[in-house]
């Protein structure tokens, strides 16, 4: 499905002291582009002064260029109000009037990243992001944030305005009828003659690299970037059975007791020998598998807590038990690490002489059984 075919279509832009970027982009998308992408709602990310200017210059009920543009080109049902203007805040919730120093840049990066994360969660929504407005760092952050969280239906663009019109306080979009404005050196220009072009910017989509816990929660720009970079490092896994914790390249998370015990057991069985474990038969349990697994399971839950599972494995570990644990562990790894980082730690299958075998790609020197 193409972006313009989605029921909910969102335009997101950043701006500084020139809110014209929003109407210029809207014109490019909804009027000039074929097929037209007509947003159902618009979000603007800016500073205190930027919000002040956007409210007064864009959203005046009668003379505001946003409303005039919609009337000029019959663009109805676009939801854009004062509530859709997001003022960048720092970690303490203080609104920023500008973005100049490192702390303000970091706050802007986190704020913009969270907005993009939130607005890309609905799979039935197509998002279009403009990087044309605001300070250069704002454009960089919103573009990178879309690269982190964007889906197939999302797009990124920069708006180009014909010579003479760009940056003029009175120019907001090419009007359908002649309208004369003056340049800074008092040269008259007709707004109906202006040309606007949207330059679509290709970007790499890395959403599959982001763990589910970050996609569903609040994320920081640097934290997300650092997590993505960890996939480029040599794998380093620490298993802490007593505390039910795993550290994968420094990313620490918990697993259910039976899952982490099974993962620990499988790693111990495979990493030193570099041999894969054969999947047990469905109705003929492997007694040695069960006996060795229970040792790790008791470390996690204690002697008394292991009784139920021990009874279930009294006839040995069967294929269904074995397969279900592998599926659960791989799911946990992907949810906590993201697809790309998890790849090094997944339990993978292979077939030989009609039997299925399972192991990770980890080497013995990459795995530690310790306390985190």
Protein backbone atom coordinates (compact mmCIF):
# COMPACT_ATOMS: atom_id res chain seq x y z
CA UNK A 1 0.00 0.00 0.00
CA UNK A 2 1.32 3.43 -0.95
CA UNK A 3 1.62 6.27 1.64
CA UNK A 4 -1.26 8.29 0.20
CA UNK A 5 -3.57 5.27 0.52
CA UNK A 6 -3.33 5.05 4.31
CA UNK A 7 -6.37 6.23 6.24
CA UNK A 8 -4.21 8.18 8.69
CA UNK A 9 -1.45 10.31 7.15
CA UNK A 10 0.85 12.46 9.27
CA UNK A 11 3.16 15.31 8.25
CA UNK A 12 5.91 16.06 10.77
CA UNK A 13 8.24 19.04 10.44
CA UNK A 14 10.77 20.96 12.52
CA UNK A 15 10.98 24.73 12.42
CA UNK A 16 12.84 27.60 14.00
CA UNK A 17 11.89 31.21 13.29
CA UNK A 18 10.44 30.51 9.83
CA UNK A 19 7.16 28.59 10.08
CA UNK A 20 6.74 28.99 6.29
CA UNK A 21 8.49 25.65 5.94
CA UNK A 22 5.30 23.93 7.00
CA UNK A 23 2.98 25.51 4.41
CA UNK A 24 5.62 25.13 1.70
CA UNK A 25 5.92 21.42 2.47
CA UNK A 26 2.16 20.97 2.74
CA UNK A 27 1.73 22.60 -0.68
CA UNK A 28 4.40 20.33 -2.15
CA UNK A 29 2.76 17.21 -0.76
CA UNK A 30 -0.93 17.96 -1.15
CA UNK A 31 -1.00 20.14 -4.28
CA UNK A 32 2.13 19.57 -6.35
CA UNK A 33 2.87 15.88 -5.79
CA UNK A 34 1.26 13.17 -7.86
CA UNK A 35 -0.31 11.23 -6.31
CA UNK A 36 -1.12 13.80 -3.67
CA UNK A 37 -0.29 13.04 -0.04
CA UNK A 38 -2.90 15.01 1.90
CA UNK A 39 -2.18 14.77 5.64
CA UNK A 40 -4.96 13.99 8.05
CA UNK A 41 -2.89 15.67 10.77
CA UNK A 42 0.24 17.79 11.09
CA UNK A 43 2.81 17.99 13.88
CA UNK A 44 5.37 20.77 14.22
CA UNK A 45 8.41 20.47 16.52
CA UNK A 46 9.97 23.77 17.49
CA UNK A 47 11.21 26.11 20.25
CA UNK A 48 9.30 28.59 22.43
CA UNK A 49 9.77 31.43 19.94
CA UNK A 50 9.11 29.10 17.02
CA UNK A 51 5.81 28.03 18.58
CA UNK A 52 4.87 31.66 19.21
CA UNK A 53 5.46 32.53 15.56
CA UNK A 54 3.72 29.44 14.26
CA UNK A 55 0.62 30.11 16.36
CA UNK A 56 0.33 33.75 15.34
CA UNK A 57 1.42 33.54 11.71
CA UNK A 58 0.11 30.13 10.64
CA UNK A 59 -2.98 29.46 12.70
CA UNK A 60 -4.87 32.76 12.82
CA UNK A 61 -8.45 31.68 12.17
CA UNK A 62 -9.07 34.10 9.28
CA UNK A 63 -5.69 35.25 7.97
CA UNK A 64 -3.44 32.37 8.98
CA UNK A 65 -1.64 31.01 5.87
CA UNK A 66 -2.34 27.41 6.88
CA UNK A 67 -6.11 27.97 6.82
CA UNK A 68 -5.90 30.16 3.70
CA UNK A 69 -3.90 27.47 1.86
CA UNK A 70 -6.49 24.86 2.81
CA UNK A 71 -9.28 27.08 1.46
CA UNK A 72 -7.33 27.99 -1.69
CA UNK A 73 -6.75 24.36 -2.63
CA UNK A 74 -9.81 22.69 -1.05
CA UNK A 75 -7.80 20.76 1.51
CA UNK A 76 -10.29 19.76 4.17
CA UNK A 77 -10.08 17.74 7.37
CA UNK A 78 -6.41 18.39 8.14
CA UNK A 79 -6.05 18.40 11.90
CA UNK A 80 -3.48 21.05 12.86
CA UNK A 81 -4.02 23.12 16.00
CA UNK A 82 -1.97 24.66 18.78
CA UNK A 83 -1.96 21.22 20.46
CA UNK A 84 -0.03 19.82 17.49
CA UNK A 85 2.87 22.24 18.03
CA UNK A 86 5.43 20.53 20.25
CA UNK A 87 7.90 22.73 22.12
CA UNK A 88 11.21 21.01 22.75
CA UNK A 89 11.85 20.37 26.44
CA UNK A 90 14.92 19.34 28.40
CA UNK A 91 15.09 16.40 30.81
CA UNK A 92 13.47 18.48 33.57
CA UNK A 93 10.55 19.48 31.36
CA UNK A 94 11.77 23.06 30.78
CA UNK A 95 10.80 24.42 27.36
CA UNK A 96 13.72 25.58 25.22
CA UNK A 97 13.90 28.95 23.49
CA UNK A 98 16.85 27.92 21.34
CA UNK A 99 19.24 25.07 20.66
CA UNK A 100 22.84 26.22 21.01
CA UNK A 101 24.85 24.33 23.61
CA UNK A 102 25.54 20.56 23.92
CA UNK A 103 22.94 20.04 26.64
CA UNK A 104 20.23 21.68 24.54
CA UNK A 105 21.25 19.64 21.50
CA UNK A 106 21.02 16.43 23.51
CA UNK A 107 17.58 17.44 24.82
CA UNK A 108 16.41 18.24 21.28
CA UNK A 109 17.70 14.89 20.01
CA UNK A 110 15.83 12.94 22.73
CA UNK A 111 12.65 14.99 22.32
CA UNK A 112 12.52 14.63 18.54
CA UNK A 113 13.36 10.91 18.74
CA UNK A 114 10.46 10.28 21.13
CA UNK A 115 7.98 12.18 18.95
CA UNK A 116 8.97 10.12 15.90
CA UNK A 117 8.83 6.91 17.95
CA UNK A 118 5.32 7.70 19.18
CA UNK A 119 3.94 8.72 15.79
CA UNK A 120 5.26 5.62 14.01
CA UNK A 121 3.78 3.06 16.39
CA UNK A 122 0.46 2.74 14.58
CA UNK A 123 0.94 0.38 11.63
CA UNK A 124 -2.12 1.88 9.91
CA UNK A 125 -0.41 5.29 9.70
CA UNK A 126 1.90 6.71 7.03
CA UNK A 127 4.33 9.41 8.17
CA UNK A 128 6.04 12.05 6.04
CA UNK A 129 8.92 13.93 7.67
CA UNK A 130 10.41 17.19 6.43
CA UNK A 131 13.97 18.09 7.43
CA UNK A 132 13.88 21.53 5.82
CA UNK A 133 13.20 23.75 8.84
CA UNK A 134 14.89 24.74 12.08
CA UNK A 135 18.55 24.55 12.92
CA UNK A 136 20.63 22.06 10.94
CA UNK A 137 20.96 19.82 13.97
CA UNK A 138 17.16 19.61 14.23
CA UNK A 139 16.93 18.45 10.63
CA UNK A 140 19.66 15.89 11.26
CA UNK A 141 17.98 14.54 14.40
CA UNK A 142 14.54 14.17 12.85
CA UNK A 143 15.98 12.50 9.76
CA UNK A 144 18.03 10.06 11.84
CA UNK A 145 15.05 9.40 14.10
CA UNK A 146 12.98 8.41 11.07
CA UNK A 147 15.80 6.13 9.97
CA UNK A 148 15.63 4.45 13.39
CA UNK A 149 11.84 4.12 13.60
CA UNK A 150 10.51 4.52 10.05
CA UNK A 151 8.50 1.82 8.31
CA UNK A 152 8.10 0.95 4.62
CA UNK A 153 5.26 3.47 4.19
CA UNK A 154 7.14 6.42 5.73
CA UNK A 155 8.93 9.09 3.70
CA UNK A 156 11.56 11.83 4.22
CA UNK A 157 11.92 15.00 2.17
CA UNK A 158 13.41 18.48 1.84
CA UNK A 159 11.46 21.33 0.27
CA UNK A 160 13.06 23.51 -2.42
CA UNK A 161 11.72 27.00 -3.18
CA UNK A 162 12.49 28.89 -6.40
CA UNK A 163 15.04 31.71 -6.36
CA UNK A 164 13.91 34.96 -4.82
CA UNK A 165 11.09 33.55 -2.70
CA UNK A 166 12.99 31.50 -0.14
CA UNK A 167 13.14 33.09 3.30
CA UNK A 168 10.78 35.96 2.52
CA UNK A 169 8.59 36.66 5.57
CA UNK A 170 5.51 37.20 3.38
CA UNK A 171 5.87 34.06 1.28
CA UNK A 172 4.18 30.89 2.52
CA UNK A 173 3.21 28.96 -0.64
CA UNK A 174 2.41 29.55 -4.34
CA UNK A 175 -1.04 31.09 -4.40
CA UNK A 176 -3.63 30.12 -7.05
CA UNK A 177 -4.19 33.81 -7.88
CA UNK A 178 -1.75 36.66 -8.36
CA UNK A 179 -0.51 38.19 -5.13
CA UNK A 180 2.37 40.69 -5.04
CA UNK A 181 4.93 40.76 -2.23
CA UNK A 182 8.26 42.57 -1.96
CA UNK A 183 11.76 41.22 -1.48
CA UNK A 184 14.15 42.65 1.11
CA UNK A 185 15.47 45.08 -1.52
CA UNK A 186 11.90 46.11 -2.37
CA UNK A 187 11.67 44.14 -5.60
CA UNK A 188 8.08 42.98 -6.31
CA UNK A 189 7.35 39.27 -6.77
CA UNK A 190 4.16 37.43 -7.63
CA UNK A 191 3.54 34.54 -5.24
CA UNK A 192 1.53 32.67 -7.87
CA UNK A 193 4.71 32.36 -9.99
CA UNK A 194 6.76 30.66 -7.29
CA UNK A 195 7.86 27.06 -7.77
CA UNK A 196 8.09 24.50 -4.99
CA UNK A 197 9.74 21.10 -5.33
CA UNK A 198 9.87 18.31 -2.80
CA UNK A 199 13.13 16.39 -2.93
CA UNK A 200 12.48 12.94 -1.48
CA UNK A 201 15.43 11.64 0.52
CA UNK A 202 16.10 7.88 0.59
CA UNK A 203 16.98 6.54 4.02
CA UNK A 204 17.97 3.22 5.58
CA UNK A 205 15.27 1.79 7.82
CA UNK A 206 16.69 0.32 11.02
CA UNK A 207 13.50 -0.27 12.98
CA UNK A 208 14.17 -4.02 13.11
CA UNK A 209 17.35 -3.24 15.05
CA UNK A 210 15.42 -1.56 17.88
CA UNK A 211 14.25 -3.79 20.77
CA UNK A 212 10.54 -4.00 21.41
CA UNK A 213 11.00 -2.52 24.90
CA UNK A 214 12.36 0.71 23.34
CA UNK A 215 9.72 0.85 20.60
CA UNK A 216 7.00 0.72 23.24
CA UNK A 217 8.61 3.08 25.75
CA UNK A 218 10.46 6.36 26.00
CA UNK A 219 13.76 6.37 24.18
CA UNK A 220 16.86 8.54 24.16
CA UNK A 221 18.65 9.38 20.92
CA UNK A 222 22.14 8.47 22.12
CA UNK A 223 20.92 5.33 23.91
CA UNK A 224 19.26 4.12 20.71
CA UNK A 225 22.31 4.89 18.58
CA UNK A 226 24.63 3.15 21.05
CA UNK A 227 22.40 0.07 21.05
CA UNK A 228 22.46 -0.09 17.25
CA UNK A 229 26.27 0.20 17.30
CA UNK A 230 26.61 -2.74 19.68
CA UNK A 231 25.57 -5.07 16.87
CA UNK A 232 28.92 -4.25 15.22
CA UNK A 233 30.94 -5.43 18.23
CA UNK A 234 32.26 -8.92 18.94
CA UNK A 235 29.56 -10.81 20.89
CA UNK A 236 30.01 -10.92 24.64
CA UNK A 237 27.44 -12.83 26.68
CA UNK A 238 27.18 -13.15 30.47
CA UNK A 239 24.68 -15.58 32.02
CA UNK A 240 23.69 -14.89 35.63
CA UNK A 241 21.48 -17.80 36.69
CA UNK A 242 20.99 -16.73 40.31
CA UNK A 243 19.56 -13.34 39.34
CA UNK A 244 17.91 -14.53 36.09
CA UNK A 245 19.86 -11.90 34.14
CA UNK A 246 21.59 -11.87 30.80
CA UNK A 247 24.09 -9.31 29.52
CA UNK A 248 24.58 -9.21 25.74
CA UNK A 249 27.26 -6.70 24.76
CA UNK A 250 26.34 -4.75 27.88
CA UNK A 251 22.56 -4.84 27.36
CA UNK A 252 21.18 -6.36 30.58
CA UNK A 253 17.74 -7.93 30.79
CA UNK A 254 15.91 -10.71 32.62
CA UNK A 255 14.44 -13.97 31.36
CA UNK A 256 11.88 -16.34 32.91
CA UNK A 257 13.57 -18.92 35.10
CA UNK A 258 12.94 -21.91 32.86
CA UNK A 259 14.07 -20.02 29.75
CA UNK A 260 17.37 -18.77 31.15
CA UNK A 261 18.10 -22.21 32.65
CA UNK A 262 17.49 -23.88 29.28
CA UNK A 263 19.62 -21.28 27.47
CA UNK A 264 22.43 -21.79 29.96
CA UNK A 265 22.21 -25.58 29.63
CA UNK A 266 22.22 -25.47 25.81
CA UNK A 267 25.20 -23.11 25.75
CA UNK A 268 27.20 -25.35 28.12
CA UNK A 269 26.41 -28.35 25.94
CA UNK A 270 27.45 -26.70 22.68
CA UNK A 271 30.01 -23.89 22.99
CA UNK A 272 32.99 -25.94 24.20
CA UNK A 273 32.43 -28.89 21.89
CA UNK A 274 31.12 -26.66 19.08
CA UNK A 275 28.62 -29.42 18.39
CA UNK A 276 24.90 -28.84 18.00
CA UNK A 277 22.26 -30.56 20.13
CA UNK A 278 19.96 -32.96 18.37
CA UNK A 279 16.28 -32.35 18.96
CA UNK A 280 14.76 -35.22 20.99
CA UNK A 281 12.02 -37.33 19.52
CA UNK A 282 8.45 -36.18 20.15
CA UNK A 283 7.38 -39.09 22.35
CA UNK A 284 10.71 -40.55 23.42
CA UNK A 285 12.36 -38.29 25.98
CA UNK A 286 16.10 -37.85 26.30
CA UNK A 287 16.96 -38.66 29.93
CA UNK A 288 20.47 -37.21 29.79
CA UNK A 289 19.14 -33.87 28.46
CA UNK A 290 16.61 -33.74 31.31
CA UNK A 291 19.17 -34.60 33.98
CA UNK A 292 21.70 -31.97 32.83
CA UNK A 293 19.04 -29.27 32.33
CA UNK A 294 17.61 -29.75 35.82
CA UNK A 295 21.01 -28.91 37.35
CA UNK A 296 20.86 -25.38 35.89
CA UNK A 297 17.15 -25.08 36.63
CA UNK A 298 17.70 -25.83 40.31
CA UNK A 299 20.33 -23.08 40.45
CA UNK A 300 17.69 -20.61 39.30
CA UNK A 301 14.63 -21.68 41.34
CA UNK A 302 16.06 -23.82 44.12
CA UNK A 303 15.41 -27.46 45.01
CA UNK A 304 11.76 -26.99 46.00
CA UNK A 305 10.88 -24.77 43.06
CA UNK A 306 12.11 -27.32 40.53
CA UNK A 307 9.75 -30.14 41.56
CA UNK A 308 6.99 -29.45 39.00
CA UNK A 309 9.39 -29.30 36.09
CA UNK A 310 11.29 -32.36 37.32
CA UNK A 311 8.04 -34.32 37.34
CA UNK A 312 7.26 -33.15 33.81
CA UNK A 313 10.65 -34.45 32.69
CA UNK A 314 10.48 -37.73 34.57
CA UNK A 315 10.52 -39.65 31.27
CA UNK A 316 13.19 -37.44 29.78
CA UNK A 317 13.13 -34.23 27.69
CA UNK A 318 10.80 -34.62 24.72
CA UNK A 319 10.90 -32.76 21.42
CA UNK A 320 7.93 -30.48 22.17
CA UNK A 321 9.50 -29.21 25.41
CA UNK A 322 12.85 -28.71 23.67
CA UNK A 323 11.38 -26.79 20.70
CA UNK A 324 9.07 -24.60 22.79
CA UNK A 325 11.95 -23.39 24.97
CA UNK A 326 14.06 -22.47 21.94
CA UNK A 327 11.19 -20.50 20.42
CA UNK A 328 10.59 -18.65 23.70
CA UNK A 329 14.29 -17.82 24.18
CA UNK A 330 14.74 -16.50 20.64
CA UNK A 331 11.64 -14.34 21.06
CA UNK A 332 13.00 -12.93 24.34
CA UNK A 333 16.35 -12.14 22.72
CA UNK A 334 14.75 -10.28 19.82
CA UNK A 335 12.39 -8.32 22.07
CA UNK A 336 15.21 -7.18 24.34
CA UNK A 337 18.01 -6.69 21.81
CA UNK A 338 16.33 -6.05 18.46
CA UNK A 339 16.74 -8.26 15.40
CA UNK A 340 20.26 -7.16 14.45
CA UNK A 341 21.96 -7.38 17.86
CA UNK A 342 20.07 -10.55 18.79
CA UNK A 343 21.31 -12.37 15.68
CA UNK A 344 24.65 -13.26 17.31
CA UNK A 345 22.90 -14.85 20.31
CA UNK A 346 20.01 -16.75 18.71
CA UNK A 347 19.68 -20.52 18.87
CA UNK A 348 19.80 -21.63 15.24
CA UNK A 349 18.71 -24.85 13.58
CA UNK A 350 20.28 -27.13 10.99
CA UNK A 351 19.23 -30.41 9.43
CA UNK A 352 21.40 -33.47 9.02
CA UNK A 353 20.33 -36.97 7.95
CA UNK A 354 16.71 -36.08 8.64
CA UNK A 355 17.31 -34.88 12.21
CA UNK A 356 17.24 -31.30 13.52
CA UNK A 357 20.19 -29.88 15.41
CA UNK A 358 20.40 -26.65 17.45
CA UNK A 359 23.22 -24.38 18.63
CA UNK A 360 24.31 -20.74 18.72
CA UNK A 361 27.17 -19.19 16.73
CA UNK A 362 28.89 -18.17 19.96
CA UNK A 363 32.42 -19.27 20.81
CA UNK A 364 33.49 -20.46 24.25
CA UNK A 365 35.54 -17.31 24.92
CA UNK A 366 32.48 -15.14 24.21
CA UNK A 367 30.33 -16.66 26.98
CA UNK A 368 30.74 -16.24 30.74
CA UNK A 369 28.65 -17.87 33.46
CA UNK A 370 28.86 -15.41 36.32
CA UNK A 371 27.06 -12.81 38.40
CA UNK A 372 26.17 -9.53 36.71
